[in-house]
């Protein structure tokens, strides 16, 4: 595998690369409506912290977190391009996001996992909350949390 590089997004060009990864994964791959995928956090200067993961020179994965509640961040838009799945890049991305969130002072994380990815997040130490699965953009999700 090519060398990996993590970028904590600070520039518009980096953000656009994250959005391109998400576009491929969510809009093209999972048919999420564009207006549901991109929001006010997808701009430089918002409260969101975006991370881009490169494999060699290729943009392989992207994700972000936002302030959610007191001392809690919400992980969102975790996307790994199809060509890079099954290689542990989702784990690398999540561990980087968690490290940055911890550095930013967050003590707890929440996320809304697609049901098909629930096992992956369990393997990272997330616990499923007892609510029923819910629909988000036509995809079943569960709420999960983790203490840092």
C-alpha atoms as a PDB file:
ATOM      1  CA  UNK A   1       0.000   0.000   0.000  1.00  0.00           C
ATOM      2  CA  UNK A   2       1.129   3.542  -0.739  1.00  0.00           C
ATOM      3  CA  UNK A   3       2.191   5.780   2.173  1.00  0.00           C
ATOM      4  CA  UNK A   4      -0.687   7.426   4.059  1.00  0.00           C
ATOM      5  CA  UNK A   5      -0.911  11.124   4.856  1.00  0.00           C
ATOM      6  CA  UNK A   6      -3.499  12.883   7.019  1.00  0.00           C
ATOM      7  CA  UNK A   7      -4.429  16.487   6.330  1.00  0.00           C
ATOM      8  CA  UNK A   8      -6.328  18.564   8.868  1.00  0.00           C
ATOM      9  CA  UNK A   9      -8.148  20.803   6.417  1.00  0.00           C
ATOM     10  CA  UNK A  10      -7.287  24.499   6.565  1.00  0.00           C
ATOM     11  CA  UNK A  11      -7.565  25.586   2.928  1.00  0.00           C
ATOM     12  CA  UNK A  12     -10.452  25.767   0.462  1.00  0.00           C
ATOM     13  CA  UNK A  13      -8.694  23.449  -2.006  1.00  0.00           C
ATOM     14  CA  UNK A  14      -8.363  20.773   0.708  1.00  0.00           C
ATOM     15  CA  UNK A  15     -12.020  21.159   1.632  1.00  0.00           C
ATOM     16  CA  UNK A  16     -13.074  20.749  -1.996  1.00  0.00           C
ATOM     17  CA  UNK A  17     -11.095  17.515  -2.162  1.00  0.00           C
ATOM     18  CA  UNK A  18     -12.981  16.235   0.915  1.00  0.00           C
ATOM     19  CA  UNK A  19     -16.268  17.174  -0.716  1.00  0.00           C
ATOM     20  CA  UNK A  20     -15.244  15.304  -3.885  1.00  0.00           C
ATOM     21  CA  UNK A  21     -14.617  12.116  -1.862  1.00  0.00           C
ATOM     22  CA  UNK A  22     -17.969  12.502  -0.137  1.00  0.00           C
ATOM     23  CA  UNK A  23     -19.713  13.225  -3.452  1.00  0.00           C
ATOM     24  CA  UNK A  24     -18.390   9.956  -4.885  1.00  0.00           C
ATOM     25  CA  UNK A  25     -19.287   7.890  -1.804  1.00  0.00           C
ATOM     26  CA  UNK A  26     -22.604   9.369  -0.722  1.00  0.00           C
ATOM     27  CA  UNK A  27     -24.204  11.112  -3.707  1.00  0.00           C
ATOM     28  CA  UNK A  28     -23.048   8.838  -6.531  1.00  0.00           C
ATOM     29  CA  UNK A  29     -22.588   5.620  -4.541  1.00  0.00           C
ATOM     30  CA  UNK A  30     -25.491   5.747  -2.099  1.00  0.00           C
ATOM     31  CA  UNK A  31     -27.836   8.130  -3.936  1.00  0.00           C
ATOM     32  CA  UNK A  32     -27.992  10.622  -1.044  1.00  0.00           C
ATOM     33  CA  UNK A  33     -29.563  13.863  -2.343  1.00  0.00           C
ATOM     34  CA  UNK A  34     -26.868  16.561  -2.714  1.00  0.00           C
ATOM     35  CA  UNK A  35     -28.859  18.995  -0.564  1.00  0.00           C
ATOM     36  CA  UNK A  36     -28.766  16.444   2.296  1.00  0.00           C
ATOM     37  CA  UNK A  37     -25.039  15.761   1.963  1.00  0.00           C
ATOM     38  CA  UNK A  38     -23.533  19.277   1.881  1.00  0.00           C
ATOM     39  CA  UNK A  39     -24.410  21.774   4.610  1.00  0.00           C
ATOM     40  CA  UNK A  40     -23.278  24.949   6.373  1.00  0.00           C
ATOM     41  CA  UNK A  41     -20.407  23.106   8.071  1.00  0.00           C
ATOM     42  CA  UNK A  42     -18.820  22.526   4.663  1.00  0.00           C
ATOM     43  CA  UNK A  43     -16.944  25.804   4.508  1.00  0.00           C
ATOM     44  CA  UNK A  44     -13.644  27.097   5.787  1.00  0.00           C
ATOM     45  CA  UNK A  45     -14.243  28.968   9.042  1.00  0.00           C
ATOM     46  CA  UNK A  46     -17.178  26.850  10.208  1.00  0.00           C
ATOM     47  CA  UNK A  47     -17.045  24.977  13.525  1.00  0.00           C
ATOM     48  CA  UNK A  48     -16.408  21.692  11.702  1.00  0.00           C
ATOM     49  CA  UNK A  49     -12.988  20.074  11.605  1.00  0.00           C
ATOM     50  CA  UNK A  50     -12.444  18.236   8.317  1.00  0.00           C
ATOM     51  CA  UNK A  51      -9.782  15.597   7.728  1.00  0.00           C
ATOM     52  CA  UNK A  52      -8.572  14.247   4.384  1.00  0.00           C
ATOM     53  CA  UNK A  53      -6.670  10.946   4.149  1.00  0.00           C
ATOM     54  CA  UNK A  54      -4.329  10.435   1.215  1.00  0.00           C
ATOM     55  CA  UNK A  55      -3.024   7.100   0.022  1.00  0.00           C
ATOM     56  CA  UNK A  56       0.007   8.024  -2.018  1.00  0.00           C
ATOM     57  CA  UNK A  57      -1.208  10.982  -4.090  1.00  0.00           C
ATOM     58  CA  UNK A  58      -4.846   9.884  -4.129  1.00  0.00           C
ATOM     59  CA  UNK A  59      -7.593  11.278  -1.926  1.00  0.00           C
ATOM     60  CA  UNK A  60      -8.794   8.034  -0.333  1.00  0.00           C
ATOM     61  CA  UNK A  61     -11.075   9.078   2.555  1.00  0.00           C
ATOM     62  CA  UNK A  62     -12.555  12.077   4.321  1.00  0.00           C
ATOM     63  CA  UNK A  63     -14.519  12.867   7.454  1.00  0.00           C
ATOM     64  CA  UNK A  64     -15.380  15.620   9.870  1.00  0.00           C
ATOM     65  CA  UNK A  65     -16.595  16.354  13.366  1.00  0.00           C
ATOM     66  CA  UNK A  66     -18.620  19.201  14.773  1.00  0.00           C
ATOM     67  CA  UNK A  67     -19.278  20.460  18.298  1.00  0.00           C
ATOM     68  CA  UNK A  68     -22.461  18.749  19.453  1.00  0.00           C
ATOM     69  CA  UNK A  69     -23.125  19.212  23.160  1.00  0.00           C
ATOM     70  CA  UNK A  70     -20.980  20.140  26.136  1.00  0.00           C
ATOM     71  CA  UNK A  71     -17.600  18.399  25.714  1.00  0.00           C
ATOM     72  CA  UNK A  72     -19.101  16.211  22.952  1.00  0.00           C
ATOM     73  CA  UNK A  73     -18.213  16.122  19.264  1.00  0.00           C
ATOM     74  CA  UNK A  74     -20.302  14.488  16.548  1.00  0.00           C
ATOM     75  CA  UNK A  75     -18.424  12.474  13.928  1.00  0.00           C
ATOM     76  CA  UNK A  76     -19.972  12.930  10.508  1.00  0.00           C
ATOM     77  CA  UNK A  77     -19.559  12.293   6.790  1.00  0.00           C
ATOM     78  CA  UNK A  78     -17.081   9.442   7.219  1.00  0.00           C
ATOM     79  CA  UNK A  79     -16.341   8.353   3.654  1.00  0.00           C
ATOM     80  CA  UNK A  80     -13.828   5.916   2.148  1.00  0.00           C
ATOM     81  CA  UNK A  81     -13.687   5.701  -1.649  1.00  0.00           C
ATOM     82  CA  UNK A  82     -14.620   2.237  -2.951  1.00  0.00           C
ATOM     83  CA  UNK A  83     -11.132   1.508  -4.327  1.00  0.00           C
ATOM     84  CA  UNK A  84      -9.675   1.921  -0.815  1.00  0.00           C
ATOM     85  CA  UNK A  85     -12.165  -0.058   1.262  1.00  0.00           C
ATOM     86  CA  UNK A  86     -11.076  -3.152   3.142  1.00  0.00           C
ATOM     87  CA  UNK A  87      -7.550  -1.815   3.712  1.00  0.00           C
ATOM     88  CA  UNK A  88      -7.979  -0.325   7.182  1.00  0.00           C
ATOM     89  CA  UNK A  89      -8.233   3.279   5.974  1.00  0.00           C
ATOM     90  CA  UNK A  90     -11.564   3.838   7.720  1.00  0.00           C
ATOM     91  CA  UNK A  91      -9.884   2.925  11.010  1.00  0.00           C
ATOM     92  CA  UNK A  92      -6.927   5.244  10.287  1.00  0.00           C
ATOM     93  CA  UNK A  93      -9.324   8.096   9.477  1.00  0.00           C
ATOM     94  CA  UNK A  94     -11.470   7.548  12.578  1.00  0.00           C
ATOM     95  CA  UNK A  95      -8.453   7.302  14.882  1.00  0.00           C
ATOM     96  CA  UNK A  96      -7.137  10.585  13.457  1.00  0.00           C
ATOM     97  CA  UNK A  97     -10.499  12.315  13.913  1.00  0.00           C
ATOM     98  CA  UNK A  98     -10.680  11.026  17.495  1.00  0.00           C
ATOM     99  CA  UNK A  99      -7.149  12.254  18.223  1.00  0.00           C
ATOM    100  CA  UNK A 100      -7.933  15.713  16.867  1.00  0.00           C
ATOM    101  CA  UNK A 101     -11.209  15.829  18.819  1.00  0.00           C
ATOM    102  CA  UNK A 102      -9.361  14.885  22.024  1.00  0.00           C
ATOM    103  CA  UNK A 103      -6.765  17.605  21.314  1.00  0.00           C
ATOM    104  CA  UNK A 104      -9.646  20.057  20.855  1.00  0.00           C
ATOM    105  CA  UNK A 105     -10.891  19.220  24.353  1.00  0.00           C
ATOM    106  CA  UNK A 106     -13.781  16.896  23.582  1.00  0.00           C
ATOM    107  CA  UNK A 107     -14.384  14.076  26.061  1.00  0.00           C
ATOM    108  CA  UNK A 108     -17.185  12.192  24.334  1.00  0.00           C
ATOM    109  CA  UNK A 109     -18.076  11.370  20.747  1.00  0.00           C
ATOM    110  CA  UNK A 110     -21.374  10.542  19.084  1.00  0.00           C
ATOM    111  CA  UNK A 111     -22.133   9.447  15.552  1.00  0.00           C
ATOM    112  CA  UNK A 112     -25.019   8.219  13.461  1.00  0.00           C
ATOM    113  CA  UNK A 113     -23.807   5.007  11.826  1.00  0.00           C
ATOM    114  CA  UNK A 114     -25.378   3.418   8.819  1.00  0.00           C
ATOM    115  CA  UNK A 115     -26.605   0.053  10.118  1.00  0.00           C
ATOM    116  CA  UNK A 116     -24.303  -1.786   7.705  1.00  0.00           C
ATOM    117  CA  UNK A 117     -21.270  -0.046   9.335  1.00  0.00           C
ATOM    118  CA  UNK A 118     -22.326  -0.604  12.961  1.00  0.00           C
ATOM    119  CA  UNK A 119     -19.885  -3.508  13.460  1.00  0.00           C
ATOM    120  CA  UNK A 120     -16.994  -1.356  12.226  1.00  0.00           C
ATOM    121  CA  UNK A 121     -17.733   1.335  14.821  1.00  0.00           C
ATOM    122  CA  UNK A 122     -18.153  -1.318  17.537  1.00  0.00           C
ATOM    123  CA  UNK A 123     -14.610  -2.457  16.705  1.00  0.00           C
ATOM    124  CA  UNK A 124     -13.432   1.104  17.453  1.00  0.00           C
ATOM    125  CA  UNK A 125     -15.101   1.113  20.882  1.00  0.00           C
ATOM    126  CA  UNK A 126     -18.393   2.816  20.047  1.00  0.00           C
ATOM    127  CA  UNK A 127     -21.536   1.614  21.819  1.00  0.00           C
ATOM    128  CA  UNK A 128     -24.948   1.571  20.156  1.00  0.00           C
ATOM    129  CA  UNK A 129     -27.572   3.567  22.058  1.00  0.00           C
ATOM    130  CA  UNK A 130     -30.867   1.763  22.711  1.00  0.00           C
ATOM    131  CA  UNK A 131     -33.006   3.835  20.329  1.00  0.00           C
ATOM    132  CA  UNK A 132     -34.604   2.160  17.327  1.00  0.00           C
ATOM    133  CA  UNK A 133     -32.818   2.488  13.987  1.00  0.00           C
ATOM    134  CA  UNK A 134     -33.879   5.631  12.146  1.00  0.00           C
ATOM    135  CA  UNK A 135     -33.983   6.706   8.514  1.00  0.00           C
ATOM    136  CA  UNK A 136     -31.591   9.371   7.287  1.00  0.00           C
ATOM    137  CA  UNK A 137     -31.596  10.102   3.544  1.00  0.00           C
ATOM    138  CA  UNK A 138     -33.276   6.742   2.889  1.00  0.00           C
ATOM    139  CA  UNK A 139     -30.605   4.756   4.796  1.00  0.00           C
ATOM    140  CA  UNK A 140     -31.149   3.109   8.198  1.00  0.00           C
ATOM    141  CA  UNK A 141     -28.869   4.451  10.944  1.00  0.00           C
ATOM    142  CA  UNK A 142     -28.217   3.921  14.646  1.00  0.00           C
ATOM    143  CA  UNK A 143     -26.849   6.437  17.161  1.00  0.00           C
ATOM    144  CA  UNK A 144     -23.569   5.419  18.769  1.00  0.00           C
ATOM    145  CA  UNK A 145     -21.246   6.969  21.355  1.00  0.00           C
ATOM    146  CA  UNK A 146     -17.741   6.653  22.783  1.00  0.00           C
ATOM    147  CA  UNK A 147     -15.932   8.226  25.713  1.00  0.00           C
ATOM    148  CA  UNK A 148     -12.467   9.520  24.924  1.00  0.00           C
END
